[in-house]
Structures are given as C-alpha cells and as structure tokens.
Amino acid sequence: MHKLASTPITKECFEMDDYSNVLIDNKEGIGSWSDDFWEILIDKLETLRLKYNKIKDKRYWKELIRLLPESWLQTRTIAMNYENILSMIHQRKNHKFSEWSESFINWAKSLPYANDFLFL
C-alpha cells in the first residue's frame, strides 16, 4: 500500500490467471460484462492515483484503497521454517483455490531438501 501511487494501475496489477468472462442475463440478453467492468474500474483507479499524485490530497488515496478489489496483487514477505510449510501443505493440499493447491505446493516442491522434509 505504501507504493500504491508510484506505478500505473493496469490489468496486470490484478490476479486473473484463471480468469474467464462471466456470462450474465441482462436486458439485452446473455452477454459478458467482465471485460467492460475491468476496463472501467482500472480507468477510475488510475484517475484517482493520478489526482492523488498531482495534489497530494489524502482523500484520493483513501478512496483508491477503498475501491481496490480483492484481486489486487500485493507482495508480502514472510519467514517460516519447514515445519510450518509441512503443516500448510497438509492443510491446503485439497484447497479450492488453485493458489494453494497448485502454486504453493509447487513452490514448496522447489525448496532445497523438500523431498527429505516435506514430501516423504
């Protein structure tokens, strides 16, 4: 959040790796609204970011934070040991989110000594 206003907000700033258009039944018939929604949202977020950078009014930054969707990608730094990772693997191996069941477990397999400590 500290660097939110420093780089442009684009579609790449959001988690969309298993993204697919959602079809909805609207007045015009069945159609896709997802692409239009993302285009409008990203445009509004970028406008708020630019306005904040120009006049440094924290109201724009606060509104930008409020409007960010759940899929906003953020970087986190954590420290853990193999015992923590082993517990997380067992708890999340069948998780409905692919980030846990695939990405995290594949990352854990790439660790040094993973076959000795984590995947016996």
C-alpha atoms as a PDB file:
ATOM      1  CA  MET A   1       0.000   0.000   0.000  1.00  0.00           C
ATOM      2  CA  HIS A   2       2.929   2.357   0.567  1.00  0.00           C
ATOM      3  CA  LYS A   3       3.899   2.208  -3.115  1.00  0.00           C
ATOM      4  CA  LEU A   4       0.359   2.142  -4.497  1.00  0.00           C
ATOM      5  CA  ALA A   5       0.554   5.600  -6.087  1.00  0.00           C
ATOM      6  CA  SER A   6       4.041   5.176  -7.535  1.00  0.00           C
ATOM      7  CA  THR A   7       3.241   2.960 -10.539  1.00  0.00           C
ATOM      8  CA  PRO A   8       0.411   2.983 -13.087  1.00  0.00           C
ATOM      9  CA  ILE A   9      -2.577   0.750 -12.373  1.00  0.00           C
ATOM     10  CA  THR A  10      -3.073  -1.731 -15.212  1.00  0.00           C
ATOM     11  CA  LYS A  11      -4.831  -5.055 -15.731  1.00  0.00           C
ATOM     12  CA  GLU A  12      -1.556  -6.802 -14.833  1.00  0.00           C
ATOM     13  CA  CYS A  13      -1.887  -5.468 -11.270  1.00  0.00           C
ATOM     14  CA  PHE A  14      -4.741  -7.901 -10.625  1.00  0.00           C
ATOM     15  CA  GLU A  15      -4.935 -11.676 -10.226  1.00  0.00           C
ATOM     16  CA  MET A  16      -6.518 -13.063 -13.381  1.00  0.00           C
ATOM     17  CA  ASP A  17      -4.592 -16.240 -14.204  1.00  0.00           C
ATOM     18  CA  ASP A  18      -7.711 -18.447 -14.133  1.00  0.00           C
ATOM     19  CA  TYR A  19      -9.900 -15.564 -15.252  1.00  0.00           C
ATOM     20  CA  SER A  20     -12.764 -16.134 -17.628  1.00  0.00           C
ATOM     21  CA  ASN A  21     -15.616 -13.910 -18.675  1.00  0.00           C
ATOM     22  CA  VAL A  22     -18.753 -14.392 -16.661  1.00  0.00           C
ATOM     23  CA  LEU A  23     -21.910 -14.591 -18.716  1.00  0.00           C
ATOM     24  CA  ILE A  24     -24.927 -12.811 -17.311  1.00  0.00           C
ATOM     25  CA  ASP A  25     -28.510 -12.490 -18.408  1.00  0.00           C
ATOM     26  CA  ASN A  26     -29.195  -8.780 -18.805  1.00  0.00           C
ATOM     27  CA  LYS A  27     -31.783  -6.668 -20.612  1.00  0.00           C
ATOM     28  CA  GLU A  28     -30.028  -7.134 -23.941  1.00  0.00           C
ATOM     29  CA  GLY A  29     -29.806 -10.902 -23.499  1.00  0.00           C
ATOM     30  CA  ILE A  30     -26.982 -13.109 -22.302  1.00  0.00           C
ATOM     31  CA  GLY A  31     -23.624 -11.414 -22.567  1.00  0.00           C
ATOM     32  CA  SER A  32     -20.271 -10.793 -20.921  1.00  0.00           C
ATOM     33  CA  TRP A  33     -19.737  -7.844 -18.609  1.00  0.00           C
ATOM     34  CA  SER A  34     -16.347  -8.695 -17.072  1.00  0.00           C
ATOM     35  CA  ASP A  35     -14.075  -7.000 -19.618  1.00  0.00           C
ATOM     36  CA  ASP A  36     -16.107  -3.793 -19.574  1.00  0.00           C
ATOM     37  CA  PHE A  37     -16.164  -3.817 -15.781  1.00  0.00           C
ATOM     38  CA  TRP A  38     -12.368  -4.200 -15.502  1.00  0.00           C
ATOM     39  CA  GLU A  39     -11.720  -1.524 -18.100  1.00  0.00           C
ATOM     40  CA  ILE A  40     -13.957   0.997 -16.296  1.00  0.00           C
ATOM     41  CA  LEU A  41     -12.642   0.105 -12.828  1.00  0.00           C
ATOM     42  CA  ILE A  42      -8.974   0.335 -13.829  1.00  0.00           C
ATOM     43  CA  ASP A  43      -9.605   3.662 -15.551  1.00  0.00           C
ATOM     44  CA  LYS A  44     -11.268   5.062 -12.390  1.00  0.00           C
ATOM     45  CA  LEU A  45      -8.496   3.738 -10.123  1.00  0.00           C
ATOM     46  CA  GLU A  46      -5.798   5.220 -12.343  1.00  0.00           C
ATOM     47  CA  THR A  47      -7.628   8.572 -12.375  1.00  0.00           C
ATOM     48  CA  LEU A  48      -7.656   8.592  -8.564  1.00  0.00           C
ATOM     49  CA  ARG A  49      -3.963   7.692  -8.469  1.00  0.00           C
ATOM     50  CA  LEU A  50      -3.013  10.493 -10.853  1.00  0.00           C
ATOM     51  CA  LYS A  51      -5.149  13.012  -8.962  1.00  0.00           C
ATOM     52  CA  TYR A  52      -3.507  11.997  -5.671  1.00  0.00           C
ATOM     53  CA  ASN A  53      -0.026  12.340  -7.181  1.00  0.00           C
ATOM     54  CA  LYS A  54      -0.887  15.761  -8.565  1.00  0.00           C
ATOM     55  CA  ILE A  55      -2.391  17.447  -5.489  1.00  0.00           C
ATOM     56  CA  LYS A  56      -1.384  15.057  -2.650  1.00  0.00           C
ATOM     57  CA  ASP A  57      -4.853  15.152  -1.083  1.00  0.00           C
ATOM     58  CA  LYS A  58      -5.129  12.002   1.058  1.00  0.00           C
ATOM     59  CA  ARG A  59      -8.859  11.728   0.293  1.00  0.00           C
ATOM     60  CA  TYR A  60      -7.949  10.448  -3.190  1.00  0.00           C
ATOM     61  CA  TRP A  61      -5.506   7.910  -1.799  1.00  0.00           C
ATOM     62  CA  LYS A  62      -8.076   6.714   0.771  1.00  0.00           C
ATOM     63  CA  GLU A  63     -10.739   6.316  -1.923  1.00  0.00           C
ATOM     64  CA  LEU A  64      -8.261   4.426  -4.077  1.00  0.00           C
ATOM     65  CA  ILE A  65      -7.653   2.000  -1.194  1.00  0.00           C
ATOM     66  CA  ARG A  66     -11.398   1.562  -0.645  1.00  0.00           C
ATOM     67  CA  LEU A  67     -12.104   0.765  -4.280  1.00  0.00           C
ATOM     68  CA  LEU A  68      -9.342  -1.797  -4.811  1.00  0.00           C
ATOM     69  CA  PRO A  69     -10.898  -5.203  -5.470  1.00  0.00           C
ATOM     70  CA  GLU A  70      -9.960  -8.396  -3.670  1.00  0.00           C
ATOM     71  CA  SER A  71      -7.873  -9.491  -6.657  1.00  0.00           C
ATOM     72  CA  TRP A  72      -5.322  -6.657  -6.267  1.00  0.00           C
ATOM     73  CA  LEU A  73      -1.870  -8.262  -6.241  1.00  0.00           C
ATOM     74  CA  GLN A  74       0.295  -7.389  -3.270  1.00  0.00           C
ATOM     75  CA  THR A  75       3.749  -8.523  -2.245  1.00  0.00           C
ATOM     76  CA  ARG A  76       4.228  -9.932   1.222  1.00  0.00           C
ATOM     77  CA  THR A  77       7.397 -11.072   2.944  1.00  0.00           C
ATOM     78  CA  ILE A  78       7.171 -13.872   5.487  1.00  0.00           C
ATOM     79  CA  ALA A  79       9.582 -16.035   7.409  1.00  0.00           C
ATOM     80  CA  MET A  80       8.805 -19.649   8.201  1.00  0.00           C
ATOM     81  CA  ASN A  81      10.504 -22.974   8.668  1.00  0.00           C
ATOM     82  CA  TYR A  82       9.985 -26.406   7.136  1.00  0.00           C
ATOM     83  CA  GLU A  83       7.679 -27.440   9.975  1.00  0.00           C
ATOM     84  CA  ASN A  84       5.344 -24.516   9.152  1.00  0.00           C
ATOM     85  CA  ILE A  85       5.435 -25.344   5.451  1.00  0.00           C
ATOM     86  CA  LEU A  86       4.709 -29.023   6.103  1.00  0.00           C
ATOM     87  CA  SER A  87       1.656 -28.082   8.146  1.00  0.00           C
ATOM     88  CA  MET A  88       0.459 -25.710   5.416  1.00  0.00           C
ATOM     89  CA  ILE A  89       0.868 -28.405   2.747  1.00  0.00           C
ATOM     90  CA  HIS A  90      -1.270 -30.871   4.706  1.00  0.00           C
ATOM     91  CA  GLN A  91      -3.918 -28.248   5.448  1.00  0.00           C
ATOM     92  CA  ARG A  92      -4.176 -26.911   1.911  1.00  0.00           C
ATOM     93  CA  LYS A  93      -3.423 -29.792  -0.447  1.00  0.00           C
ATOM     94  CA  ASN A  94      -7.104 -30.046  -1.488  1.00  0.00           C
ATOM     95  CA  HIS A  95      -7.959 -26.359  -1.157  1.00  0.00           C
ATOM     96  CA  LYS A  96     -10.497 -24.946  -3.617  1.00  0.00           C
ATOM     97  CA  PHE A  97      -8.227 -22.018  -4.509  1.00  0.00           C
ATOM     98  CA  SER A  98      -5.627 -23.039  -7.093  1.00  0.00           C
ATOM     99  CA  GLU A  99      -3.139 -20.633  -5.493  1.00  0.00           C
ATOM    100  CA  TRP A 100      -2.875 -23.014  -2.539  1.00  0.00           C
ATOM    101  CA  SER A 101      -3.471 -26.412  -4.086  1.00  0.00           C
ATOM    102  CA  GLU A 102      -1.188 -25.854  -7.068  1.00  0.00           C
ATOM    103  CA  SER A 103       1.043 -22.787  -6.841  1.00  0.00           C
ATOM    104  CA  PHE A 104       2.019 -23.031  -3.177  1.00  0.00           C
ATOM    105  CA  ILE A 105       2.645 -26.782  -3.273  1.00  0.00           C
ATOM    106  CA  ASN A 106       4.681 -26.477  -6.490  1.00  0.00           C
ATOM    107  CA  TRP A 107       6.732 -23.740  -4.835  1.00  0.00           C
ATOM    108  CA  ALA A 108       7.267 -25.957  -1.770  1.00  0.00           C
ATOM    109  CA  LYS A 109       8.487 -28.800  -4.024  1.00  0.00           C
ATOM    110  CA  SER A 110      11.162 -26.477  -5.403  1.00  0.00           C
ATOM    111  CA  LEU A 111      12.716 -25.835  -1.974  1.00  0.00           C
ATOM    112  CA  PRO A 112      16.064 -27.403  -1.058  1.00  0.00           C
ATOM    113  CA  TYR A 113      15.580 -30.673   0.827  1.00  0.00           C
ATOM    114  CA  ALA A 114      11.836 -30.636   0.074  1.00  0.00           C
ATOM    115  CA  ASN A 115      11.842 -34.379  -0.667  1.00  0.00           C
ATOM    116  CA  ASP A 116      13.620 -35.068   2.621  1.00  0.00           C
ATOM    117  CA  PHE A 117      11.421 -32.932   4.881  1.00  0.00           C
ATOM    118  CA  LEU A 118       8.128 -32.156   3.155  1.00  0.00           C
ATOM    119  CA  PHE A 119       7.246 -34.850   0.630  1.00  0.00           C
ATOM    120  CA  LEU A 120       8.297 -38.145   2.191  1.00  0.00           C
END
